[in-house]
Amino acid sequence: MEDKTLQQDDQQFVEFIVDADIYRTTVNKKYSRRKPYEPLNPKMITAFMPGTIQDVYVKPGQEVKSDTILCILEAMKMKNKLFPPFKGIVKTINVEPGQLVPKNFVIIELE
């Protein structure tokens, strides 16, 4: 999918191509002011919802595999085990047991 922005009179248009078909649409202010998409950094283990850190099972410098439990995040009466997405080494731990964390808070950073 390819797109380009056009300005005509007082309106802003976006023209994009899907499967060799050209589409043209108007763009509202909310769309034009939105933040660009940032892919998640797999080295940052973040809280996917607000909650409380129940236990931390790793230490900085420790080598972890994808089946190693890093910590438990309790949210909405559920205990969620957080696992690393790949084999790596724990760089930093930014939480302690009992700490409340907001959504998207970086809990553990991997190398």
PDB file of N, CA and C in Angstrom:
ATOM      1  N   MET A   1       0.846  -1.175   0.000  1.00  0.00           N
ATOM      2  CA  MET A   1       0.000   0.000   0.000  1.00  0.00           C
ATOM      3  C   MET A   1       0.890   1.237   0.000  1.00  0.00           C
ATOM      4  N   GLU A   2       0.636   2.136  -0.887  1.00  0.00           N
ATOM      5  CA  GLU A   2       1.413   3.359  -1.038  1.00  0.00           C
ATOM      6  C   GLU A   2       0.447   4.529  -0.898  1.00  0.00           C
ATOM      7  N   ASP A   3       0.880   5.615  -0.243  1.00  0.00           N
ATOM      8  CA  ASP A   3      -0.013   6.769  -0.133  1.00  0.00           C
ATOM      9  C   ASP A   3       0.761   8.065  -0.304  1.00  0.00           C
ATOM     10  N   LYS A   4       0.046   9.104  -0.732  1.00  0.00           N
ATOM     11  CA  LYS A   4       0.637  10.434  -0.835  1.00  0.00           C
ATOM     12  C   LYS A   4      -0.438  11.451  -0.498  1.00  0.00           C
ATOM     13  N   THR A   5      -0.029  12.593   0.050  1.00  0.00           N
ATOM     14  CA  THR A   5      -0.952  13.628   0.485  1.00  0.00           C
ATOM     15  C   THR A   5      -1.042  14.716  -0.564  1.00  0.00           C
ATOM     16  N   LEU A   6      -2.275  15.145  -0.850  1.00  0.00           N
ATOM     17  CA  LEU A   6      -2.534  16.201  -1.827  1.00  0.00           C
ATOM     18  C   LEU A   6      -3.291  17.332  -1.158  1.00  0.00           C
ATOM     19  N   GLN A   7      -3.062  18.540  -1.598  1.00  0.00           N
ATOM     20  CA  GLN A   7      -3.775  19.707  -1.085  1.00  0.00           C
ATOM     21  C   GLN A   7      -4.563  20.299  -2.252  1.00  0.00           C
ATOM     22  N   GLN A   8      -5.877  20.488  -2.057  1.00  0.00           N
ATOM     23  CA  GLN A   8      -6.704  21.052  -3.115  1.00  0.00           C
ATOM     24  C   GLN A   8      -7.700  21.999  -2.470  1.00  0.00           C
ATOM     25  N   ASP A   9      -7.712  23.237  -2.935  1.00  0.00           N
ATOM     26  CA  ASP A   9      -8.555  24.281  -2.347  1.00  0.00           C
ATOM     27  C   ASP A   9      -8.268  24.361  -0.851  1.00  0.00           C
ATOM     28  N   ASP A  10      -9.275  24.078  -0.045  1.00  0.00           N
ATOM     29  CA  ASP A  10      -9.143  24.191   1.403  1.00  0.00           C
ATOM     30  C   ASP A  10      -9.042  22.811   2.062  1.00  0.00           C
ATOM     31  N   GLN A  11      -9.154  21.745   1.278  1.00  0.00           N
ATOM     32  CA  GLN A  11      -9.175  20.404   1.847  1.00  0.00           C
ATOM     33  C   GLN A  11      -7.874  19.654   1.576  1.00  0.00           C
ATOM     34  N   GLN A  12      -7.603  18.742   2.463  1.00  0.00           N
ATOM     35  CA  GLN A  12      -6.429  17.891   2.314  1.00  0.00           C
ATOM     36  C   GLN A  12      -6.916  16.485   1.959  1.00  0.00           C
ATOM     37  N   PHE A  13      -6.310  15.898   0.942  1.00  0.00           N
ATOM     38  CA  PHE A  13      -6.686  14.570   0.484  1.00  0.00           C
ATOM     39  C   PHE A  13      -5.498  13.626   0.621  1.00  0.00           C
ATOM     40  N   VAL A  14      -5.815  12.364   0.762  1.00  0.00           N
ATOM     41  CA  VAL A  14      -4.795  11.326   0.728  1.00  0.00           C
ATOM     42  C   VAL A  14      -5.163  10.396  -0.415  1.00  0.00           C
ATOM     43  N   GLU A  15      -4.176  10.143  -1.247  1.00  0.00           N
ATOM     44  CA  GLU A  15      -4.365   9.229  -2.365  1.00  0.00           C
ATOM     45  C   GLU A  15      -3.516   7.999  -2.082  1.00  0.00           C
ATOM     46  N   PHE A  16      -4.146   6.829  -2.107  1.00  0.00           N
ATOM     47  CA  PHE A  16      -3.382   5.617  -1.845  1.00  0.00           C
ATOM     48  C   PHE A  16      -3.741   4.535  -2.851  1.00  0.00           C
ATOM     49  N   ILE A  17      -2.813   3.622  -3.041  1.00  0.00           N
ATOM     50  CA  ILE A  17      -2.957   2.571  -4.043  1.00  0.00           C
ATOM     51  C   ILE A  17      -2.997   1.219  -3.340  1.00  0.00           C
ATOM     52  N   VAL A  18      -4.033   0.446  -3.654  1.00  0.00           N
ATOM     53  CA  VAL A  18      -4.173  -0.909  -3.141  1.00  0.00           C
ATOM     54  C   VAL A  18      -4.473  -1.816  -4.328  1.00  0.00           C
ATOM     55  N   ASP A  19      -3.609  -2.789  -4.571  1.00  0.00           N
ATOM     56  CA  ASP A  19      -3.796  -3.731  -5.689  1.00  0.00           C
ATOM     57  C   ASP A  19      -4.041  -3.015  -7.011  1.00  0.00           C
ATOM     58  N   ALA A  20      -3.234  -2.029  -7.321  1.00  0.00           N
ATOM     59  CA  ALA A  20      -3.276  -1.269  -8.575  1.00  0.00           C
ATOM     60  C   ALA A  20      -4.511  -0.383  -8.718  1.00  0.00           C
ATOM     61  N   ASP A  21      -5.348  -0.282  -7.693  1.00  0.00           N
ATOM     62  CA  ASP A  21      -6.492   0.633  -7.708  1.00  0.00           C
ATOM     63  C   ASP A  21      -6.137   1.870  -6.901  1.00  0.00           C
ATOM     64  N   ILE A  22      -6.453   3.058  -7.435  1.00  0.00           N
ATOM     65  CA  ILE A  22      -6.150   4.317  -6.755  1.00  0.00           C
ATOM     66  C   ILE A  22      -7.399   4.790  -6.027  1.00  0.00           C
ATOM     67  N   TYR A  23      -7.242   5.087  -4.743  1.00  0.00           N
ATOM     68  CA  TYR A  23      -8.331   5.599  -3.923  1.00  0.00           C
ATOM     69  C   TYR A  23      -7.943   6.982  -3.426  1.00  0.00           C
ATOM     70  N   ARG A  24      -8.939   7.857  -3.307  1.00  0.00           N
ATOM     71  CA  ARG A  24      -8.709   9.217  -2.836  1.00  0.00           C
ATOM     72  C   ARG A  24      -9.738   9.522  -1.757  1.00  0.00           C
ATOM     73  N   THR A  25      -9.277  10.048  -0.640  1.00  0.00           N
ATOM     74  CA  THR A  25     -10.182  10.339   0.464  1.00  0.00           C
ATOM     75  C   THR A  25      -9.759  11.626   1.157  1.00  0.00           C
ATOM     76  N   THR A  26     -10.683  12.231   1.883  1.00  0.00           N
ATOM     77  CA  THR A  26     -10.356  13.442   2.644  1.00  0.00           C
ATOM     78  C   THR A  26      -9.746  13.029   3.980  1.00  0.00           C
ATOM     79  N   VAL A  27      -9.046  13.961   4.583  1.00  0.00           N
ATOM     80  CA  VAL A  27      -8.373  13.713   5.852  1.00  0.00           C
ATOM     81  C   VAL A  27      -8.874  14.727   6.866  1.00  0.00           C
ATOM     82  N   ASN A  28      -9.324  14.242   8.040  1.00  0.00           N
ATOM     83  CA  ASN A  28      -9.758  15.184   9.071  1.00  0.00           C
ATOM     84  C   ASN A  28      -8.567  15.620   9.931  1.00  0.00           C
ATOM     85  N   LYS A  29      -8.792  16.614  10.780  1.00  0.00           N
ATOM     86  CA  LYS A  29      -7.702  17.165  11.605  1.00  0.00           C
ATOM     87  C   LYS A  29      -7.138  16.118  12.568  1.00  0.00           C
ATOM     88  N   LYS A  30      -8.017  15.312  13.129  1.00  0.00           N
ATOM     89  CA  LYS A  30      -7.570  14.289  14.075  1.00  0.00           C
ATOM     90  C   LYS A  30      -6.583  13.325  13.404  1.00  0.00           C
ATOM     91  N   TYR A  31      -6.873  12.933  12.170  1.00  0.00           N
ATOM     92  CA  TYR A  31      -5.985  12.030  11.433  1.00  0.00           C
ATOM     93  C   TYR A  31      -4.644  12.696  11.140  1.00  0.00           C
ATOM     94  N   SER A  32      -4.674  13.943  10.718  1.00  0.00           N
ATOM     95  CA  SER A  32      -3.428  14.614  10.334  1.00  0.00           C
ATOM     96  C   SER A  32      -2.539  14.934  11.540  1.00  0.00           C
ATOM     97  N   ARG A  33      -3.118  14.997  12.748  1.00  0.00           N
ATOM     98  CA  ARG A  33      -2.338  15.315  13.946  1.00  0.00           C
ATOM     99  C   ARG A  33      -1.951  14.084  14.758  1.00  0.00           C
ATOM    100  N   ARG A  34      -2.305  12.909  14.293  1.00  0.00           N
ATOM    101  CA  ARG A  34      -2.027  11.706  15.080  1.00  0.00           C
ATOM    102  C   ARG A  34      -0.522  11.429  15.138  1.00  0.00           C
ATOM    103  N   LYS A  35      -0.123  10.734  16.197  1.00  0.00           N
ATOM    104  CA  LYS A  35       1.284  10.356  16.344  1.00  0.00           C
ATOM    105  C   LYS A  35       1.599   9.256  15.344  1.00  0.00           C
ATOM    106  N   PRO A  36       2.783   9.287  14.766  1.00  0.00           N
ATOM    107  CA  PRO A  36       3.148   8.187  13.867  1.00  0.00           C
ATOM    108  C   PRO A  36       3.293   6.887  14.659  1.00  0.00           C
ATOM    109  N   TYR A  37       3.002   5.798  14.005  1.00  0.00           N
ATOM    110  CA  TYR A  37       3.080   4.483  14.637  1.00  0.00           C
ATOM    111  C   TYR A  37       4.524   4.157  15.008  1.00  0.00           C
ATOM    112  N   GLU A  38       4.709   3.686  16.228  1.00  0.00           N
ATOM    113  CA  GLU A  38       6.018   3.230  16.694  1.00  0.00           C
ATOM    114  C   GLU A  38       5.896   1.759  17.059  1.00  0.00           C
ATOM    115  N   PRO A  39       6.640   0.895  16.401  1.00  0.00           N
ATOM    116  CA  PRO A  39       6.561  -0.518  16.773  1.00  0.00           C
ATOM    117  C   PRO A  39       7.105  -0.729  18.187  1.00  0.00           C
ATOM    118  N   LEU A  40       6.581  -1.739  18.858  1.00  0.00           N
ATOM    119  CA  LEU A  40       7.036  -2.040  20.211  1.00  0.00           C
ATOM    120  C   LEU A  40       8.483  -2.511  20.185  1.00  0.00           C
ATOM    121  N   ASN A  41       9.227  -2.104  21.196  1.00  0.00           N
ATOM    122  CA  ASN A  41      10.609  -2.546  21.337  1.00  0.00           C
ATOM    123  C   ASN A  41      10.591  -3.877  22.087  1.00  0.00           C
ATOM    124  N   PRO A  42      10.991  -4.978  21.448  1.00  0.00           N
ATOM    125  CA  PRO A  42      10.925  -6.276  22.125  1.00  0.00           C
ATOM    126  C   PRO A  42      11.875  -6.397  23.313  1.00  0.00           C
ATOM    127  N   LYS A  43      12.833  -5.486  23.441  1.00  0.00           N
ATOM    128  CA  LYS A  43      13.765  -5.524  24.572  1.00  0.00           C
ATOM    129  C   LYS A  43      13.165  -4.906  25.832  1.00  0.00           C
ATOM    130  N   MET A  44      12.035  -4.235  25.699  1.00  0.00           N
ATOM    131  CA  MET A  44      11.370  -3.606  26.835  1.00  0.00           C
ATOM    132  C   MET A  44      10.137  -4.428  27.206  1.00  0.00           C
ATOM    133  N   ILE A  45      10.125  -4.991  28.391  1.00  0.00           N
ATOM    134  CA  ILE A  45       8.962  -5.723  28.882  1.00  0.00           C
ATOM    135  C   ILE A  45       8.104  -4.706  29.626  1.00  0.00           C
ATOM    136  N   THR A  46       6.906  -4.432  29.092  1.00  0.00           N
ATOM    137  CA  THR A  46       6.052  -3.387  29.656  1.00  0.00           C
ATOM    138  C   THR A  46       4.780  -3.981  30.250  1.00  0.00           C
ATOM    139  N   ALA A  47       4.135  -3.197  31.109  1.00  0.00           N
ATOM    140  CA  ALA A  47       2.850  -3.586  31.682  1.00  0.00           C
ATOM    141  C   ALA A  47       1.776  -3.369  30.621  1.00  0.00           C
ATOM    142  N   PHE A  48       1.076  -4.422  30.262  1.00  0.00           N
ATOM    143  CA  PHE A  48       0.041  -4.304  29.238  1.00  0.00           C
ATOM    144  C   PHE A  48      -1.261  -3.760  29.801  1.00  0.00           C
ATOM    145  N   MET A  49      -1.349  -3.677  31.127  1.00  0.00           N
ATOM    146  CA  MET A  49      -2.481  -3.044  31.806  1.00  0.00           C
ATOM    147  C   MET A  49      -2.007  -2.605  33.187  1.00  0.00           C
ATOM    148  N   PRO A  50      -2.691  -1.633  33.806  1.00  0.00           N
ATOM    149  CA  PRO A  50      -2.272  -1.205  35.142  1.00  0.00           C
ATOM    150  C   PRO A  50      -2.436  -2.352  36.139  1.00  0.00           C
ATOM    151  N   GLY A  51      -1.539  -2.425  37.096  1.00  0.00           N
ATOM    152  CA  GLY A  51      -1.632  -3.492  38.085  1.00  0.00           C
ATOM    153  C   GLY A  51      -0.544  -3.389  39.133  1.00  0.00           C
ATOM    154  N   THR A  52      -0.399  -4.463  39.891  1.00  0.00           N
ATOM    155  CA  THR A  52       0.578  -4.544  40.974  1.00  0.00           C
ATOM    156  C   THR A  52       1.572  -5.659  40.663  1.00  0.00           C
ATOM    157  N   ILE A  53       2.842  -5.367  40.862  1.00  0.00           N
ATOM    158  CA  ILE A  53       3.871  -6.395  40.693  1.00  0.00           C
ATOM    159  C   ILE A  53       3.843  -7.273  41.934  1.00  0.00           C
ATOM    160  N   GLN A  54       3.548  -8.556  41.735  1.00  0.00           N
ATOM    161  CA  GLN A  54       3.453  -9.466  42.868  1.00  0.00           C
ATOM    162  C   GLN A  54       4.819 -10.042  43.241  1.00  0.00           C
ATOM    163  N   ASP A  55       5.534 -10.579  42.269  1.00  0.00           N
ATOM    164  CA  ASP A  55       6.856 -11.159  42.501  1.00  0.00           C
ATOM    165  C   ASP A  55       7.754 -10.876  41.310  1.00  0.00           C
ATOM    166  N   VAL A  56       9.054 -10.745  41.570  1.00  0.00           N
ATOM    167  CA  VAL A  56      10.059 -10.624  40.510  1.00  0.00           C
ATOM    168  C   VAL A  56      10.995 -11.814  40.677  1.00  0.00           C
ATOM    169  N   TYR A  57      11.152 -12.608  39.612  1.00  0.00           N
ATOM    170  CA  TYR A  57      11.913 -13.850  39.695  1.00  0.00           C
ATOM    171  C   TYR A  57      13.309 -13.773  39.090  1.00  0.00           C
ATOM    172  N   VAL A  58      13.706 -12.631  38.573  1.00  0.00           N
ATOM    173  CA  VAL A  58      15.020 -12.511  37.930  1.00  0.00           C
ATOM    174  C   VAL A  58      15.824 -11.382  38.571  1.00  0.00           C
ATOM    175  N   LYS A  59      17.120 -11.369  38.269  1.00  0.00           N
ATOM    176  CA  LYS A  59      18.024 -10.325  38.768  1.00  0.00           C
ATOM    177  C   LYS A  59      18.774  -9.730  37.582  1.00  0.00           C
ATOM    178  N   PRO A  60      19.264  -8.486  37.700  1.00  0.00           N
ATOM    179  CA  PRO A  60      20.063  -7.907  36.611  1.00  0.00           C
ATOM    180  C   PRO A  60      21.283  -8.780  36.320  1.00  0.00           C
ATOM    181  N   GLY A  61      21.570  -8.970  35.032  1.00  0.00           N
ATOM    182  CA  GLY A  61      22.692  -9.790  34.616  1.00  0.00           C
ATOM    183  C   GLY A  61      22.355 -11.256  34.425  1.00  0.00           C
ATOM    184  N   GLN A  62      21.167 -11.651  34.841  1.00  0.00           N
ATOM    185  CA  GLN A  62      20.761 -13.050  34.720  1.00  0.00           C
ATOM    186  C   GLN A  62      20.381 -13.372  33.277  1.00  0.00           C
ATOM    187  N   GLU A  63      20.796 -14.539  32.808  1.00  0.00           N
ATOM    188  CA  GLU A  63      20.425 -14.991  31.464  1.00  0.00           C
ATOM    189  C   GLU A  63      19.040 -15.631  31.539  1.00  0.00           C
ATOM    190  N   VAL A  64      18.164 -15.282  30.591  1.00  0.00           N
ATOM    191  CA  VAL A  64      16.800 -15.808  30.574  1.00  0.00           C
ATOM    192  C   VAL A  64      16.486 -16.405  29.206  1.00  0.00           C
ATOM    193  N   LYS A  65      15.599 -17.393  29.209  1.00  0.00           N
ATOM    194  CA  LYS A  65      15.103 -18.005  27.977  1.00  0.00           C
ATOM    195  C   LYS A  65      13.648 -17.585  27.805  1.00  0.00           C
ATOM    196  N   SER A  66      13.061 -17.941  26.682  1.00  0.00           N
ATOM    197  CA  SER A  66      11.685 -17.523  26.416  1.00  0.00           C
ATOM    198  C   SER A  66      10.660 -18.214  27.316  1.00  0.00           C
ATOM    199  N   ASP A  67      11.058 -19.263  28.033  1.00  0.00           N
ATOM    200  CA  ASP A  67      10.124 -19.915  28.955  1.00  0.00           C
ATOM    201  C   ASP A  67      10.385 -19.552  30.422  1.00  0.00           C
ATOM    202  N   THR A  68      11.268 -18.591  30.674  1.00  0.00           N
ATOM    203  CA  THR A  68      11.577 -18.135  32.034  1.00  0.00           C
ATOM    204  C   THR A  68      10.539 -17.109  32.475  1.00  0.00           C
ATOM    205  N   ILE A  69       9.958 -17.299  33.647  1.00  0.00           N
ATOM    206  CA  ILE A  69       9.011 -16.314  34.180  1.00  0.00           C
ATOM    207  C   ILE A  69       9.822 -15.152  34.735  1.00  0.00           C
ATOM    208  N   LEU A  70       9.571 -13.941  34.225  1.00  0.00           N
ATOM    209  CA  LEU A  70      10.286 -12.753  34.697  1.00  0.00           C
ATOM    210  C   LEU A  70       9.661 -12.222  35.976  1.00  0.00           C
ATOM    211  N   CYS A  71       8.336 -12.049  35.956  1.00  0.00           N
ATOM    212  CA  CYS A  71       7.633 -11.526  37.121  1.00  0.00           C
ATOM    213  C   CYS A  71       6.147 -11.831  36.979  1.00  0.00           C
ATOM    214  N   ILE A  72       5.394 -11.530  38.021  1.00  0.00           N
ATOM    215  CA  ILE A  72       3.943 -11.700  37.988  1.00  0.00           C
ATOM    216  C   ILE A  72       3.308 -10.336  38.178  1.00  0.00           C
ATOM    217  N   LEU A  73       2.438  -9.980  37.229  1.00  0.00           N
ATOM    218  CA  LEU A  73       1.687  -8.727  37.275  1.00  0.00           C
ATOM    219  C   LEU A  73       0.247  -9.074  37.625  1.00  0.00           C
ATOM    220  N   GLU A  74      -0.213  -8.608  38.790  1.00  0.00           N
ATOM    221  CA  GLU A  74      -1.592  -8.859  39.194  1.00  0.00           C
ATOM    222  C   GLU A  74      -2.445  -7.674  38.757  1.00  0.00           C
ATOM    223  N   ALA A  75      -3.461  -7.971  37.948  1.00  0.00           N
ATOM    224  CA  ALA A  75      -4.358  -6.934  37.450  1.00  0.00           C
ATOM    225  C   ALA A  75      -5.764  -7.514  37.358  1.00  0.00           C
ATOM    226  N   MET A  76      -6.722  -6.803  37.880  1.00  0.00           N
ATOM    227  CA  MET A  76      -8.126  -7.215  37.839  1.00  0.00           C
ATOM    228  C   MET A  76      -8.310  -8.631  38.399  1.00  0.00           C
ATOM    229  N   LYS A  77      -7.668  -8.912  39.523  1.00  0.00           N
ATOM    230  CA  LYS A  77      -7.728 -10.188  40.236  1.00  0.00           C
ATOM    231  C   LYS A  77      -7.155 -11.357  39.435  1.00  0.00           C
ATOM    232  N   MET A  78      -6.363 -11.052  38.397  1.00  0.00           N
ATOM    233  CA  MET A  78      -5.696 -12.095  37.619  1.00  0.00           C
ATOM    234  C   MET A  78      -4.193 -11.967  37.833  1.00  0.00           C
ATOM    235  N   LYS A  79      -3.526 -13.088  37.949  1.00  0.00           N
ATOM    236  CA  LYS A  79      -2.074 -13.089  38.090  1.00  0.00           C
ATOM    237  C   LYS A  79      -1.481 -13.457  36.736  1.00  0.00           C
ATOM    238  N   ASN A  80      -0.850 -12.481  36.085  1.00  0.00           N
ATOM    239  CA  ASN A  80      -0.300 -12.652  34.743  1.00  0.00           C
ATOM    240  C   ASN A  80       1.207 -12.861  34.821  1.00  0.00           C
ATOM    241  N   LYS A  81       1.666 -13.973  34.279  1.00  0.00           N
ATOM    242  CA  LYS A  81       3.101 -14.257  34.230  1.00  0.00           C
ATOM    243  C   LYS A  81       3.676 -13.571  32.999  1.00  0.00           C
ATOM    244  N   LEU A  82       4.760 -12.835  33.178  1.00  0.00           N
ATOM    245  CA  LEU A  82       5.415 -12.159  32.060  1.00  0.00           C
ATOM    246  C   LEU A  82       6.660 -12.942  31.662  1.00  0.00           C
ATOM    247  N   PHE A  83       6.747 -13.238  30.360  1.00  0.00           N
ATOM    248  CA  PHE A  83       7.858 -14.002  29.797  1.00  0.00           C
ATOM    249  C   PHE A  83       8.621 -13.134  28.810  1.00  0.00           C
ATOM    250  N   PRO A  84       9.926 -13.369  28.642  1.00  0.00           N
ATOM    251  CA  PRO A  84      10.675 -12.630  27.613  1.00  0.00           C
ATOM    252  C   PRO A  84      10.325 -13.171  26.226  1.00  0.00           C
ATOM    253  N   PRO A  85      10.358 -12.321  25.193  1.00  0.00           N
ATOM    254  CA  PRO A  85      10.033 -12.787  23.843  1.00  0.00           C
ATOM    255  C   PRO A  85      11.173 -13.562  23.179  1.00  0.00           C
ATOM    256  N   PHE A  86      12.362 -13.513  23.764  1.00  0.00           N
ATOM    257  CA  PHE A  86      13.531 -14.181  23.189  1.00  0.00           C
ATOM    258  C   PHE A  86      14.545 -14.456  24.296  1.00  0.00           C
ATOM    259  N   LYS A  87      15.566 -15.235  23.966  1.00  0.00           N
ATOM    260  CA  LYS A  87      16.651 -15.517  24.907  1.00  0.00           C
ATOM    261  C   LYS A  87      17.500 -14.256  25.051  1.00  0.00           C
ATOM    262  N   GLY A  88      17.840 -13.894  26.276  1.00  0.00           N
ATOM    263  CA  GLY A  88      18.635 -12.689  26.481  1.00  0.00           C
ATOM    264  C   GLY A  88      19.145 -12.579  27.900  1.00  0.00           C
ATOM    265  N   ILE A  89      19.625 -11.385  28.227  1.00  0.00           N
ATOM    266  CA  ILE A  89      20.163 -11.094  29.554  1.00  0.00           C
ATOM    267  C   ILE A  89      19.389  -9.914  30.123  1.00  0.00           C
ATOM    268  N   VAL A  90      19.020 -10.010  31.399  1.00  0.00           N
ATOM    269  CA  VAL A  90      18.285  -8.933  32.062  1.00  0.00           C
ATOM    270  C   VAL A  90      19.230  -7.757  32.266  1.00  0.00           C
ATOM    271  N   LYS A  91      18.864  -6.602  31.723  1.00  0.00           N
ATOM    272  CA  LYS A  91      19.698  -5.401  31.849  1.00  0.00           C
ATOM    273  C   LYS A  91      19.299  -4.615  33.095  1.00  0.00           C
ATOM    274  N   THR A  92      18.021  -4.250  33.198  1.00  0.00           N
ATOM    275  CA  THR A  92      17.552  -3.503  34.369  1.00  0.00           C
ATOM    276  C   THR A  92      16.180  -3.998  34.795  1.00  0.00           C
ATOM    277  N   ILE A  93      15.903  -3.844  36.079  1.00  0.00           N
ATOM    278  CA  ILE A  93      14.585  -4.139  36.641  1.00  0.00           C
ATOM    279  C   ILE A  93      14.108  -2.847  37.288  1.00  0.00           C
ATOM    280  N   ASN A  94      12.976  -2.341  36.831  1.00  0.00           N
ATOM    281  CA  ASN A  94      12.487  -1.038  37.283  1.00  0.00           C
ATOM    282  C   ASN A  94      11.362  -1.130  38.306  1.00  0.00           C
ATOM    283  N   VAL A  95      11.129  -2.312  38.879  1.00  0.00           N
ATOM    284  CA  VAL A  95      10.020  -2.496  39.823  1.00  0.00           C
ATOM    285  C   VAL A  95      10.471  -3.312  41.025  1.00  0.00           C
ATOM    286  N   GLU A  96       9.627  -3.277  42.058  1.00  0.00           N
ATOM    287  CA  GLU A  96       9.811  -4.092  43.257  1.00  0.00           C
ATOM    288  C   GLU A  96       8.491  -4.783  43.547  1.00  0.00           C
ATOM    289  N   PRO A  97       8.500  -5.906  44.247  1.00  0.00           N
ATOM    290  CA  PRO A  97       7.237  -6.539  44.611  1.00  0.00           C
ATOM    291  C   PRO A  97       6.347  -5.578  45.405  1.00  0.00           C
ATOM    292  N   GLY A  98       5.068  -5.558  45.058  1.00  0.00           N
ATOM    293  CA  GLY A  98       4.109  -4.676  45.717  1.00  0.00           C
ATOM    294  C   GLY A  98       3.940  -3.329  45.048  1.00  0.00           C
ATOM    295  N   GLN A  99       4.759  -3.019  44.071  1.00  0.00           N
ATOM    296  CA  GLN A  99       4.699  -1.714  43.399  1.00  0.00           C
ATOM    297  C   GLN A  99       3.540  -1.668  42.405  1.00  0.00           C
ATOM    298  N   LEU A 100       2.801  -0.559  42.412  1.00  0.00           N
ATOM    299  CA  LEU A 100       1.750  -0.322  41.426  1.00  0.00           C
ATOM    300  C   LEU A 100       2.389   0.222  40.161  1.00  0.00           C
ATOM    301  N   VAL A 101       1.979  -0.292  39.004  1.00  0.00           N
ATOM    302  CA  VAL A 101       2.531   0.179  37.733  1.00  0.00           C
ATOM    303  C   VAL A 101       1.393   0.584  36.801  1.00  0.00           C
ATOM    304  N   PRO A 102       1.554   1.692  36.070  1.00  0.00           N
ATOM    305  CA  PRO A 102       0.547   2.085  35.080  1.00  0.00           C
ATOM    306  C   PRO A 102       0.727   1.293  33.785  1.00  0.00           C
ATOM    307  N   LYS A 103      -0.237   1.411  32.905  1.00  0.00           N
ATOM    308  CA  LYS A 103      -0.155   0.755  31.596  1.00  0.00           C
ATOM    309  C   LYS A 103       1.066   1.283  30.841  1.00  0.00           C
ATOM    310  N   ASN A 104       1.753   0.411  30.112  1.00  0.00           N
ATOM    311  CA  ASN A 104       2.936   0.713  29.293  1.00  0.00           C
ATOM    312  C   ASN A 104       4.183   1.077  30.096  1.00  0.00           C
ATOM    313  N   PHE A 105       4.181   0.873  31.395  1.00  0.00           N
ATOM    314  CA  PHE A 105       5.358   1.119  32.225  1.00  0.00           C
ATOM    315  C   PHE A 105       6.405   0.055  31.908  1.00  0.00           C
ATOM    316  N   VAL A 106       7.661   0.464  31.726  1.00  0.00           N
ATOM    317  CA  VAL A 106       8.738  -0.494  31.432  1.00  0.00           C
ATOM    318  C   VAL A 106       9.120  -1.202  32.731  1.00  0.00           C
ATOM    319  N   ILE A 107       8.808  -2.483  32.798  1.00  0.00           N
ATOM    320  CA  ILE A 107       9.060  -3.273  33.997  1.00  0.00           C
ATOM    321  C   ILE A 107      10.492  -3.802  33.993  1.00  0.00           C
ATOM    322  N   ILE A 108      10.880  -4.438  32.884  1.00  0.00           N
ATOM    323  CA  ILE A 108      12.207  -5.045  32.765  1.00  0.00           C
ATOM    324  C   ILE A 108      12.764  -4.728  31.389  1.00  0.00           C
ATOM    325  N   GLU A 109      14.063  -4.434  31.351  1.00  0.00           N
ATOM    326  CA  GLU A 109      14.742  -4.184  30.077  1.00  0.00           C
ATOM    327  C   GLU A 109      15.742  -5.312  29.842  1.00  0.00           C
ATOM    328  N   LEU A 110      15.739  -5.844  28.620  1.00  0.00           N
ATOM    329  CA  LEU A 110      16.640  -6.940  28.256  1.00  0.00           C
ATOM    330  C   LEU A 110      17.745  -6.449  27.340  1.00  0.00           C
ATOM    331  N   GLU A 111      18.835  -7.201  27.283  1.00  0.00           N
ATOM    332  CA  GLU A 111      19.935  -6.899  26.347  1.00  0.00           C
ATOM    333  C   GLU A 111      19.835  -7.837  25.167  1.00  0.00           C
TER     334      GLU A 111
END
